[in-house]
Amino acid sequence: MPLEIYLDLISQPCRSVYIFAKKNNIPFEFKKILLFKGEQYSEEFGKVNYFRKVPVIKDGDFTLSESIAILTYLAEKYGTPDHWYPADLQTRARVHEYLSWQHSGMRGIAGKILWLRLMIPKAFEIDVPKERMDSLLVDLEGSLTAFEEKFLQDKPFIAGQKISLADLVAIVEIMQNVTSSSPMADRVVSPLGP
């Protein structure tokens, strides 16, 4: 039975899993779950993931949710190049440090911006108060500063000289909310390069 990955590519965590699997030639069957259509709430999907969230993988009888757990599982199982999930204890610890911080330090803020900028206006046809969005953009500015000063410093990548899982997770999150028309665009430091 082939590896199955349940995804909706509108989701940043789903995109990181998808990009990682594709970049590392990991064979999988793409199982699309349309979040805007509420497919995650179906009885059938509830049998795949108790929490009714994507991404999720099924590897035979083994089911795993949560993007970070999935990424590390895939890196280990498929023996991807070491730079993704380094064997060196301290380098791997740097990857884990960012992956642990990003849930509240970047993802929480970026996720709120996505909801207020796209999901709420589209789903409920209402505009979010400008003051609320401005407040979140200030929070995002703080997260981007922390990302640059703490995690990147003067390095091209979070864990050193090569891209890792931490960089992949960071870039899909940052790019979700920063466009060329955004006031935050000049703040983006891409770990993937120019």
N, C-alpha and C. Protein backbone atom coordinates (compact mmCIF):
# COMPACT_ATOMS: atom_id res chain seq x y z
N MET A 1 0.84 -1.17 0.00
CA MET A 1 0.00 0.00 0.00
C MET A 1 0.89 1.24 0.00
N PRO A 2 0.69 2.16 -0.96
CA PRO A 2 1.55 3.34 -1.04
C PRO A 2 1.26 4.33 0.10
N LEU A 3 2.24 5.15 0.37
CA LEU A 3 2.07 6.23 1.34
C LEU A 3 0.97 7.15 0.84
N GLU A 4 0.04 7.49 1.71
CA GLU A 4 -1.02 8.44 1.37
C GLU A 4 -0.79 9.72 2.18
N ILE A 5 -0.92 10.87 1.51
CA ILE A 5 -0.79 12.14 2.21
C ILE A 5 -2.06 12.95 1.94
N TYR A 6 -2.75 13.28 3.02
CA TYR A 6 -3.99 14.06 2.96
C TYR A 6 -3.63 15.53 3.13
N LEU A 7 -3.99 16.34 2.12
CA LEU A 7 -3.54 17.72 2.07
C LEU A 7 -4.58 18.65 1.47
N ASP A 8 -4.48 19.92 1.82
CA ASP A 8 -5.08 21.01 1.08
C ASP A 8 -3.97 22.04 0.97
N LEU A 9 -3.54 22.34 -0.23
CA LEU A 9 -2.37 23.19 -0.41
C LEU A 9 -2.60 24.65 -0.08
N ILE A 10 -3.81 25.01 0.34
CA ILE A 10 -4.02 26.36 0.87
C ILE A 10 -3.37 26.48 2.26
N SER A 11 -3.15 25.35 2.89
CA SER A 11 -2.58 25.28 4.23
C SER A 11 -1.06 25.30 4.17
N GLN A 12 -0.45 26.20 4.95
CA GLN A 12 1.00 26.28 5.00
C GLN A 12 1.65 24.97 5.46
N PRO A 13 1.19 24.34 6.54
CA PRO A 13 1.79 23.07 6.95
C PRO A 13 1.66 21.99 5.87
N CYS A 14 0.55 21.99 5.17
CA CYS A 14 0.38 21.02 4.07
C CYS A 14 1.39 21.27 2.96
N ARG A 15 1.61 22.55 2.65
CA ARG A 15 2.58 22.86 1.59
C ARG A 15 3.98 22.43 1.98
N SER A 16 4.35 22.58 3.24
CA SER A 16 5.70 22.17 3.64
C SER A 16 5.86 20.66 3.49
N VAL A 17 4.86 19.89 3.86
CA VAL A 17 4.92 18.43 3.70
C VAL A 17 4.97 18.06 2.22
N TYR A 18 4.13 18.69 1.42
CA TYR A 18 4.08 18.41 -0.01
C TYR A 18 5.41 18.73 -0.69
N ILE A 19 5.95 19.93 -0.44
CA ILE A 19 7.22 20.33 -1.04
C ILE A 19 8.33 19.39 -0.63
N PHE A 20 8.37 19.04 0.65
CA PHE A 20 9.42 18.13 1.14
C PHE A 20 9.34 16.77 0.45
N ALA A 21 8.14 16.21 0.36
CA ALA A 21 7.98 14.90 -0.29
C ALA A 21 8.36 14.97 -1.76
N LYS A 22 7.93 16.00 -2.45
CA LYS A 22 8.25 16.15 -3.88
C LYS A 22 9.75 16.35 -4.09
N LYS A 23 10.33 17.25 -3.31
CA LYS A 23 11.76 17.57 -3.47
C LYS A 23 12.64 16.35 -3.22
N ASN A 24 12.17 15.45 -2.35
CA ASN A 24 12.97 14.27 -2.00
C ASN A 24 12.50 13.01 -2.72
N ASN A 25 11.68 13.18 -3.75
CA ASN A 25 11.20 12.06 -4.57
C ASN A 25 10.58 10.94 -3.73
N ILE A 26 9.83 11.32 -2.71
CA ILE A 26 9.14 10.34 -1.88
C ILE A 26 7.83 10.00 -2.59
N PRO A 27 7.64 8.75 -2.94
CA PRO A 27 6.40 8.40 -3.66
C PRO A 27 5.21 8.43 -2.70
N PHE A 28 4.13 9.07 -3.15
CA PHE A 28 2.93 9.13 -2.33
C PHE A 28 1.70 9.34 -3.19
N GLU A 29 0.58 8.98 -2.61
CA GLU A 29 -0.71 9.23 -3.24
C GLU A 29 -1.29 10.48 -2.58
N PHE A 30 -1.58 11.49 -3.39
CA PHE A 30 -2.12 12.76 -2.90
C PHE A 30 -3.62 12.58 -2.66
N LYS A 31 -4.04 12.81 -1.42
CA LYS A 31 -5.46 12.74 -1.05
C LYS A 31 -5.89 14.17 -0.72
N LYS A 32 -6.62 14.79 -1.63
CA LYS A 32 -7.00 16.19 -1.46
C LYS A 32 -8.20 16.30 -0.52
N ILE A 33 -8.06 17.16 0.48
CA ILE A 33 -9.13 17.48 1.42
C ILE A 33 -9.38 18.98 1.28
N LEU A 34 -10.53 19.35 0.78
CA LEU A 34 -10.84 20.76 0.54
C LEU A 34 -11.38 21.41 1.82
N LEU A 35 -10.54 22.22 2.44
CA LEU A 35 -10.91 22.85 3.70
C LEU A 35 -12.07 23.82 3.53
N PHE A 36 -12.08 24.60 2.45
CA PHE A 36 -13.16 25.55 2.24
C PHE A 36 -14.51 24.86 2.07
N LYS A 37 -14.49 23.61 1.63
CA LYS A 37 -15.74 22.86 1.48
C LYS A 37 -16.08 22.06 2.73
N GLY A 38 -15.23 22.13 3.74
CA GLY A 38 -15.50 21.44 5.00
C GLY A 38 -15.29 19.94 4.94
N GLU A 39 -14.51 19.47 3.96
CA GLU A 39 -14.31 18.02 3.82
C GLU A 39 -13.61 17.40 5.03
N GLN A 40 -12.89 18.21 5.80
CA GLN A 40 -12.22 17.71 6.99
C GLN A 40 -13.22 17.28 8.06
N TYR A 41 -14.46 17.73 7.94
CA TYR A 41 -15.49 17.39 8.93
C TYR A 41 -16.32 16.18 8.53
N SER A 42 -15.99 15.57 7.39
CA SER A 42 -16.76 14.40 6.96
C SER A 42 -16.51 13.22 7.89
N GLU A 43 -17.47 12.34 7.94
CA GLU A 43 -17.33 11.14 8.77
C GLU A 43 -16.15 10.30 8.30
N GLU A 44 -15.99 10.21 6.99
CA GLU A 44 -14.90 9.42 6.41
C GLU A 44 -13.53 9.95 6.84
N PHE A 45 -13.34 11.29 6.75
CA PHE A 45 -12.06 11.86 7.13
C PHE A 45 -11.85 11.77 8.64
N GLY A 46 -12.92 11.84 9.41
CA GLY A 46 -12.82 11.69 10.86
C GLY A 46 -12.22 10.34 11.26
N LYS A 47 -12.37 9.34 10.41
CA LYS A 47 -11.77 8.03 10.67
C LYS A 47 -10.27 8.04 10.39
N VAL A 48 -9.83 8.98 9.56
CA VAL A 48 -8.40 9.11 9.24
C VAL A 48 -7.71 9.94 10.32
N ASN A 49 -8.32 11.07 10.70
CA ASN A 49 -7.72 11.94 11.70
C ASN A 49 -8.77 12.39 12.71
N TYR A 50 -8.60 11.95 13.90
CA TYR A 50 -9.49 12.29 15.01
C TYR A 50 -9.68 13.81 15.13
N PHE A 51 -8.59 14.57 14.91
CA PHE A 51 -8.63 16.02 15.07
C PHE A 51 -9.21 16.74 13.86
N ARG A 52 -9.42 16.00 12.76
CA ARG A 52 -10.03 16.54 11.53
C ARG A 52 -9.24 17.72 10.97
N LYS A 53 -7.92 17.55 10.95
CA LYS A 53 -7.02 18.56 10.41
C LYS A 53 -6.09 17.91 9.41
N VAL A 54 -5.57 18.73 8.52
CA VAL A 54 -4.54 18.28 7.59
C VAL A 54 -3.27 19.07 7.89
N PRO A 55 -2.11 18.49 7.58
CA PRO A 55 -1.85 17.27 6.86
C PRO A 55 -1.92 16.03 7.76
N VAL A 56 -2.12 14.90 7.09
CA VAL A 56 -2.11 13.59 7.72
C VAL A 56 -1.48 12.62 6.73
N ILE A 57 -0.74 11.65 7.24
CA ILE A 57 -0.24 10.60 6.37
C ILE A 57 -0.75 9.25 6.86
N LYS A 58 -0.91 8.36 5.90
CA LYS A 58 -1.18 6.95 6.21
C LYS A 58 -0.08 6.16 5.52
N ASP A 59 0.67 5.44 6.31
CA ASP A 59 1.75 4.61 5.80
C ASP A 59 1.41 3.18 6.19
N GLY A 60 0.62 2.52 5.33
CA GLY A 60 0.09 1.21 5.68
C GLY A 60 -0.93 1.37 6.78
N ASP A 61 -0.72 0.67 7.89
CA ASP A 61 -1.63 0.77 9.04
C ASP A 61 -1.28 1.92 9.98
N PHE A 62 -0.19 2.61 9.70
CA PHE A 62 0.29 3.69 10.56
C PHE A 62 -0.25 5.02 10.07
N THR A 63 -0.91 5.78 10.95
CA THR A 63 -1.43 7.11 10.62
C THR A 63 -0.76 8.12 11.52
N LEU A 64 -0.37 9.27 10.93
CA LEU A 64 0.33 10.30 11.67
C LEU A 64 -0.17 11.68 11.24
N SER A 65 -0.47 12.51 12.23
CA SER A 65 -0.88 13.89 11.94
C SER A 65 0.18 14.84 12.47
N GLU A 66 -0.02 16.11 12.20
CA GLU A 66 0.87 17.21 12.61
C GLU A 66 2.08 17.28 11.68
N SER A 67 2.20 18.41 11.02
CA SER A 67 3.20 18.58 9.96
C SER A 67 4.63 18.33 10.43
N ILE A 68 4.99 18.79 11.61
CA ILE A 68 6.37 18.61 12.07
C ILE A 68 6.66 17.14 12.32
N ALA A 69 5.73 16.44 12.94
CA ALA A 69 5.89 14.99 13.15
C ALA A 69 6.00 14.28 11.81
N ILE A 70 5.19 14.69 10.84
CA ILE A 70 5.21 14.07 9.51
C ILE A 70 6.55 14.33 8.83
N LEU A 71 7.01 15.56 8.86
CA LEU A 71 8.29 15.89 8.20
C LEU A 71 9.45 15.10 8.78
N THR A 72 9.52 15.02 10.10
CA THR A 72 10.64 14.28 10.70
C THR A 72 10.51 12.79 10.43
N TYR A 73 9.30 12.26 10.43
CA TYR A 73 9.07 10.85 10.10
C TYR A 73 9.53 10.55 8.68
N LEU A 74 9.12 11.39 7.74
CA LEU A 74 9.50 11.17 6.34
C LEU A 74 11.01 11.28 6.15
N ALA A 75 11.64 12.25 6.82
CA ALA A 75 13.09 12.40 6.71
C ALA A 75 13.80 11.15 7.20
N GLU A 76 13.35 10.62 8.33
CA GLU A 76 13.96 9.42 8.90
C GLU A 76 13.66 8.18 8.06
N LYS A 77 12.40 7.99 7.70
CA LYS A 77 12.02 6.78 6.98
C LYS A 77 12.68 6.69 5.61
N TYR A 78 12.73 7.81 4.90
CA TYR A 78 13.24 7.79 3.53
C TYR A 78 14.70 8.19 3.42
N GLY A 79 15.36 8.38 4.54
CA GLY A 79 16.80 8.67 4.52
C GLY A 79 17.15 9.85 3.63
N THR A 80 16.41 10.94 3.78
CA THR A 80 16.66 12.11 2.95
C THR A 80 18.03 12.69 3.26
N PRO A 81 18.56 13.53 2.38
CA PRO A 81 19.88 14.11 2.65
C PRO A 81 19.95 14.74 4.04
N ASP A 82 21.10 14.60 4.66
CA ASP A 82 21.31 14.99 6.05
C ASP A 82 20.96 16.45 6.34
N HIS A 83 21.12 17.32 5.38
CA HIS A 83 20.87 18.74 5.65
C HIS A 83 19.43 19.02 6.04
N TRP A 84 18.49 18.17 5.59
CA TRP A 84 17.08 18.39 5.94
C TRP A 84 16.83 18.19 7.43
N TYR A 85 17.38 17.12 7.97
CA TYR A 85 17.18 16.78 9.38
C TYR A 85 18.51 16.23 9.90
N PRO A 86 19.43 17.13 10.24
CA PRO A 86 20.82 16.76 10.48
C PRO A 86 21.02 15.73 11.59
N ALA A 87 21.99 14.86 11.36
CA ALA A 87 22.33 13.84 12.36
C ALA A 87 23.12 14.46 13.52
N ASP A 88 23.92 15.49 13.22
CA ASP A 88 24.69 16.16 14.27
C ASP A 88 23.73 16.69 15.34
N LEU A 89 23.98 16.32 16.59
CA LEU A 89 23.08 16.64 17.70
C LEU A 89 22.79 18.14 17.83
N GLN A 90 23.82 18.97 17.79
CA GLN A 90 23.62 20.40 17.99
C GLN A 90 22.95 21.05 16.78
N THR A 91 23.28 20.61 15.60
CA THR A 91 22.63 21.15 14.40
C THR A 91 21.16 20.76 14.38
N ARG A 92 20.87 19.51 14.72
CA ARG A 92 19.48 19.07 14.79
C ARG A 92 18.73 19.84 15.88
N ALA A 93 19.41 20.13 16.98
CA ALA A 93 18.78 20.89 18.05
C ALA A 93 18.37 22.29 17.56
N ARG A 94 19.17 22.90 16.68
CA ARG A 94 18.81 24.20 16.10
C ARG A 94 17.53 24.08 15.26
N VAL A 95 17.43 22.99 14.51
CA VAL A 95 16.22 22.74 13.71
C VAL A 95 15.03 22.60 14.66
N HIS A 96 15.18 21.80 15.70
CA HIS A 96 14.10 21.61 16.67
C HIS A 96 13.75 22.90 17.40
N GLU A 97 14.75 23.70 17.70
CA GLU A 97 14.50 24.96 18.39
C GLU A 97 13.55 25.83 17.56
N TYR A 98 13.84 25.98 16.27
CA TYR A 98 12.95 26.79 15.43
C TYR A 98 11.58 26.13 15.29
N LEU A 99 11.55 24.83 15.06
CA LEU A 99 10.27 24.14 14.87
C LEU A 99 9.40 24.22 16.12
N SER A 100 10.02 24.27 17.28
CA SER A 100 9.27 24.42 18.53
C SER A 100 8.77 25.84 18.70
N TRP A 101 9.60 26.82 18.36
CA TRP A 101 9.22 28.22 18.50
C TRP A 101 8.16 28.64 17.50
N GLN A 102 8.23 28.13 16.30
CA GLN A 102 7.39 28.65 15.23
C GLN A 102 5.90 28.49 15.46
N HIS A 103 5.49 27.51 16.24
CA HIS A 103 4.05 27.31 16.47
C HIS A 103 3.40 28.55 17.09
N SER A 104 4.05 29.13 18.07
CA SER A 104 3.49 30.33 18.68
C SER A 104 4.15 31.59 18.16
N GLY A 105 5.42 31.51 17.80
CA GLY A 105 6.17 32.69 17.39
C GLY A 105 5.90 33.16 15.99
N MET A 106 5.56 32.24 15.09
CA MET A 106 5.31 32.63 13.70
C MET A 106 3.95 32.12 13.23
N ARG A 107 3.69 30.84 13.39
CA ARG A 107 2.47 30.22 12.87
C ARG A 107 1.21 30.83 13.46
N GLY A 108 1.21 31.04 14.78
CA GLY A 108 0.02 31.60 15.41
C GLY A 108 -0.35 32.95 14.84
N ILE A 109 0.63 33.80 14.66
CA ILE A 109 0.39 35.15 14.13
C ILE A 109 0.05 35.08 12.65
N ALA A 110 0.84 34.35 11.88
CA ALA A 110 0.60 34.25 10.44
C ALA A 110 -0.75 33.60 10.16
N GLY A 111 -1.12 32.62 10.97
CA GLY A 111 -2.42 31.97 10.80
C GLY A 111 -3.57 32.93 11.03
N LYS A 112 -3.43 33.78 12.04
CA LYS A 112 -4.48 34.77 12.30
C LYS A 112 -4.61 35.75 11.14
N ILE A 113 -3.46 36.16 10.60
CA ILE A 113 -3.50 37.08 9.46
C ILE A 113 -4.19 36.44 8.28
N LEU A 114 -3.88 35.18 8.01
CA LEU A 114 -4.55 34.46 6.92
C LEU A 114 -6.06 34.44 7.13
N TRP A 115 -6.47 34.13 8.34
CA TRP A 115 -7.91 34.09 8.63
C TRP A 115 -8.55 35.46 8.44
N LEU A 116 -7.91 36.50 8.95
CA LEU A 116 -8.52 37.83 8.88
C LEU A 116 -8.44 38.44 7.48
N ARG A 117 -7.38 38.10 6.75
CA ARG A 117 -7.20 38.69 5.43
C ARG A 117 -7.98 37.94 4.35
N LEU A 118 -8.14 36.61 4.52
CA LEU A 118 -8.73 35.80 3.45
C LEU A 118 -9.95 35.00 3.90
N MET A 119 -9.78 34.19 4.92
CA MET A 119 -10.81 33.21 5.26
C MET A 119 -12.11 33.86 5.74
N ILE A 120 -12.04 34.76 6.70
CA ILE A 120 -13.26 35.39 7.22
C ILE A 120 -13.96 36.22 6.15
N PRO A 121 -13.21 37.09 5.43
CA PRO A 121 -13.91 37.84 4.38
C PRO A 121 -14.54 36.93 3.31
N LYS A 122 -13.87 35.85 2.95
CA LYS A 122 -14.40 34.97 1.91
C LYS A 122 -15.57 34.13 2.43
N ALA A 123 -15.41 33.56 3.60
CA ALA A 123 -16.44 32.67 4.14
C ALA A 123 -17.68 33.42 4.63
N PHE A 124 -17.48 34.57 5.26
CA PHE A 124 -18.59 35.27 5.89
C PHE A 124 -18.96 36.59 5.20
N GLU A 125 -18.18 36.94 4.18
CA GLU A 125 -18.41 38.17 3.42
C GLU A 125 -18.48 39.40 4.32
N ILE A 126 -17.52 39.46 5.24
CA ILE A 126 -17.40 40.63 6.11
C ILE A 126 -15.95 41.10 6.11
N ASP A 127 -15.78 42.36 6.33
CA ASP A 127 -14.43 42.91 6.44
C ASP A 127 -14.00 42.93 7.89
N VAL A 128 -12.73 42.66 8.09
CA VAL A 128 -12.16 42.67 9.43
C VAL A 128 -11.72 44.11 9.73
N PRO A 129 -11.94 44.59 10.93
CA PRO A 129 -11.53 45.96 11.27
C PRO A 129 -10.04 46.19 11.01
N LYS A 130 -9.75 47.34 10.39
CA LYS A 130 -8.38 47.69 10.06
C LYS A 130 -7.48 47.69 11.29
N GLU A 131 -8.00 48.14 12.42
CA GLU A 131 -7.20 48.19 13.65
C GLU A 131 -6.72 46.80 14.05
N ARG A 132 -7.58 45.80 13.88
CA ARG A 132 -7.21 44.42 14.23
C ARG A 132 -6.10 43.92 13.32
N MET A 133 -6.23 44.19 12.02
CA MET A 133 -5.20 43.76 11.08
C MET A 133 -3.89 44.50 11.34
N ASP A 134 -3.97 45.79 11.61
CA ASP A 134 -2.75 46.57 11.90
C ASP A 134 -2.03 46.02 13.13
N SER A 135 -2.78 45.62 14.14
CA SER A 135 -2.19 45.06 15.35
C SER A 135 -1.46 43.75 15.05
N LEU A 136 -2.07 42.91 14.23
CA LEU A 136 -1.42 41.65 13.85
C LEU A 136 -0.18 41.88 13.00
N LEU A 137 -0.20 42.90 12.15
CA LEU A 137 0.98 43.20 11.34
C LEU A 137 2.14 43.66 12.22
N VAL A 138 1.85 44.36 13.30
CA VAL A 138 2.89 44.74 14.27
C VAL A 138 3.47 43.48 14.92
N ASP A 139 2.58 42.55 15.28
CA ASP A 139 3.05 41.28 15.86
C ASP A 139 3.90 40.50 14.86
N LEU A 140 3.48 40.51 13.59
CA LEU A 140 4.25 39.82 12.55
C LEU A 140 5.63 40.46 12.39
N GLU A 141 5.67 41.78 12.45
CA GLU A 141 6.96 42.49 12.38
C GLU A 141 7.89 42.00 13.49
N GLY A 142 7.36 41.84 14.70
CA GLY A 142 8.17 41.33 15.81
C GLY A 142 8.66 39.91 15.56
N SER A 143 7.80 39.08 14.99
CA SER A 143 8.20 37.70 14.68
C SER A 143 9.27 37.66 13.59
N LEU A 144 9.13 38.51 12.59
CA LEU A 144 10.14 38.56 11.53
C LEU A 144 11.48 39.05 12.07
N THR A 145 11.44 40.00 12.98
CA THR A 145 12.67 40.47 13.62
C THR A 145 13.32 39.34 14.41
N ALA A 146 12.53 38.61 15.18
CA ALA A 146 13.07 37.47 15.93
C ALA A 146 13.64 36.42 14.98
N PHE A 147 12.95 36.18 13.90
CA PHE A 147 13.42 35.21 12.91
C PHE A 147 14.80 35.61 12.37
N GLU A 148 14.94 36.88 12.01
CA GLU A 148 16.21 37.36 11.47
C GLU A 148 17.31 37.38 12.52
N GLU A 149 17.01 37.93 13.70
CA GLU A 149 18.05 38.14 14.70
C GLU A 149 18.41 36.89 15.47
N LYS A 150 17.44 36.06 15.80
CA LYS A 150 17.72 34.86 16.60
C LYS A 150 18.06 33.66 15.72
N PHE A 151 17.24 33.43 14.70
CA PHE A 151 17.39 32.18 13.96
C PHE A 151 18.32 32.29 12.75
N LEU A 152 18.22 33.34 11.96
CA LEU A 152 19.11 33.46 10.81
C LEU A 152 20.45 34.07 11.19
N GLN A 153 20.42 35.11 11.99
CA GLN A 153 21.63 35.86 12.34
C GLN A 153 22.35 36.21 11.04
N ASP A 154 23.58 35.79 10.87
CA ASP A 154 24.31 36.09 9.63
C ASP A 154 24.48 34.84 8.77
N LYS A 155 23.64 33.84 9.00
CA LYS A 155 23.74 32.58 8.27
C LYS A 155 22.73 32.58 7.12
N PRO A 156 22.99 31.81 6.09
CA PRO A 156 22.01 31.73 5.00
C PRO A 156 20.80 30.88 5.38
N PHE A 157 20.97 29.98 6.36
CA PHE A 157 19.89 29.08 6.77
C PHE A 157 19.87 28.97 8.30
N ILE A 158 18.76 28.53 8.82
CA ILE A 158 18.57 28.47 10.27
C ILE A 158 19.62 27.60 10.96
N ALA A 159 19.91 26.45 10.40
CA ALA A 159 20.84 25.52 11.05
C ALA A 159 22.25 25.57 10.46
N GLY A 160 22.53 26.58 9.67
CA GLY A 160 23.89 26.68 9.13
C GLY A 160 23.95 27.03 7.66
N GLN A 161 24.61 26.19 6.89
CA GLN A 161 24.91 26.50 5.49
C GLN A 161 23.99 25.82 4.48
N LYS A 162 23.09 24.96 4.94
CA LYS A 162 22.19 24.26 4.01
C LYS A 162 20.76 24.29 4.54
N ILE A 163 19.83 24.20 3.62
CA ILE A 163 18.42 24.22 3.97
C ILE A 163 18.06 23.02 4.84
N SER A 164 17.16 23.25 5.80
CA SER A 164 16.69 22.19 6.68
C SER A 164 15.16 22.23 6.73
N LEU A 165 14.59 21.30 7.48
CA LEU A 165 13.14 21.31 7.69
C LEU A 165 12.69 22.64 8.29
N ALA A 166 13.50 23.21 9.16
CA ALA A 166 13.15 24.49 9.79
C ALA A 166 12.99 25.58 8.74
N ASP A 167 13.89 25.63 7.78
CA ASP A 167 13.82 26.66 6.73
C ASP A 167 12.59 26.47 5.86
N LEU A 168 12.29 25.24 5.53
CA LEU A 168 11.11 24.96 4.71
C LEU A 168 9.84 25.40 5.42
N VAL A 169 9.71 25.05 6.68
CA VAL A 169 8.54 25.45 7.46
C VAL A 169 8.47 26.98 7.56
N ALA A 170 9.61 27.63 7.75
CA ALA A 170 9.64 29.09 7.86
C ALA A 170 9.20 29.76 6.57
N ILE A 171 9.73 29.32 5.46
CA ILE A 171 9.43 30.03 4.21
C ILE A 171 7.98 29.89 3.78
N VAL A 172 7.37 28.72 3.96
CA VAL A 172 5.96 28.61 3.56
C VAL A 172 5.08 29.47 4.46
N GLU A 173 5.45 29.60 5.71
CA GLU A 173 4.68 30.43 6.64
C GLU A 173 4.83 31.91 6.32
N ILE A 174 6.06 32.35 6.12
CA ILE A 174 6.31 33.76 5.85
C ILE A 174 5.69 34.17 4.51
N MET A 175 5.87 33.38 3.50
CA MET A 175 5.38 33.75 2.18
C MET A 175 3.86 33.74 2.08
N GLN A 176 3.18 33.04 2.97
CA GLN A 176 1.71 33.03 2.95
C GLN A 176 1.17 34.45 3.13
N ASN A 177 1.81 35.22 3.97
CA ASN A 177 1.28 36.52 4.37
C ASN A 177 2.01 37.71 3.79
N VAL A 178 3.09 37.48 3.09
CA VAL A 178 3.87 38.60 2.59
C VAL A 178 3.85 38.56 1.07
N THR A 179 3.28 39.60 0.49
CA THR A 179 3.25 39.71 -0.96
C THR A 179 3.96 40.98 -1.36
N SER A 180 4.16 41.14 -2.64
CA SER A 180 4.87 42.33 -3.10
C SER A 180 4.10 43.61 -2.78
N SER A 181 2.80 43.51 -2.56
CA SER A 181 2.02 44.71 -2.24
C SER A 181 1.89 44.93 -0.74
N SER A 182 2.45 44.04 0.06
CA SER A 182 2.32 44.14 1.51
C SER A 182 3.35 45.10 2.08
N PRO A 183 3.00 45.80 3.16
CA PRO A 183 4.00 46.65 3.81
C PRO A 183 5.12 45.82 4.45
N MET A 184 4.93 44.50 4.57
CA MET A 184 5.94 43.64 5.19
C MET A 184 6.92 43.09 4.16
N ALA A 185 6.69 43.32 2.88
CA ALA A 185 7.47 42.68 1.83
C ALA A 185 8.96 42.93 1.96
N ASP A 186 9.34 44.13 2.35
CA ASP A 186 10.77 44.44 2.45
C ASP A 186 11.43 43.78 3.65
N ARG A 187 10.67 43.16 4.52
CA ARG A 187 11.20 42.49 5.70
C ARG A 187 11.57 41.04 5.44
N VAL A 188 11.10 40.48 4.35
CA VAL A 188 11.30 39.05 4.13
C VAL A 188 12.75 38.75 3.79
N VAL A 189 13.30 37.81 4.52
CA VAL A 189 14.62 37.26 4.23
C VAL A 189 14.37 35.81 3.89
N SER A 190 14.48 35.46 2.64
CA SER A 190 14.13 34.12 2.22
C SER A 190 15.25 33.14 2.50
N PRO A 191 14.98 32.08 3.30
CA PRO A 191 16.00 31.08 3.53
C PRO A 191 16.28 30.25 2.29
N LEU A 192 15.45 30.38 1.27
CA LEU A 192 15.67 29.64 0.03
C LEU A 192 16.51 30.44 -0.96
N GLY A 193 16.85 31.65 -0.59
CA GLY A 193 17.66 32.49 -1.47
C GLY A 193 16.80 33.40 -2.33
N PRO A 194 17.41 34.25 -3.15
CA PRO A 194 16.66 35.20 -3.97
C PRO A 194 15.90 34.51 -5.09
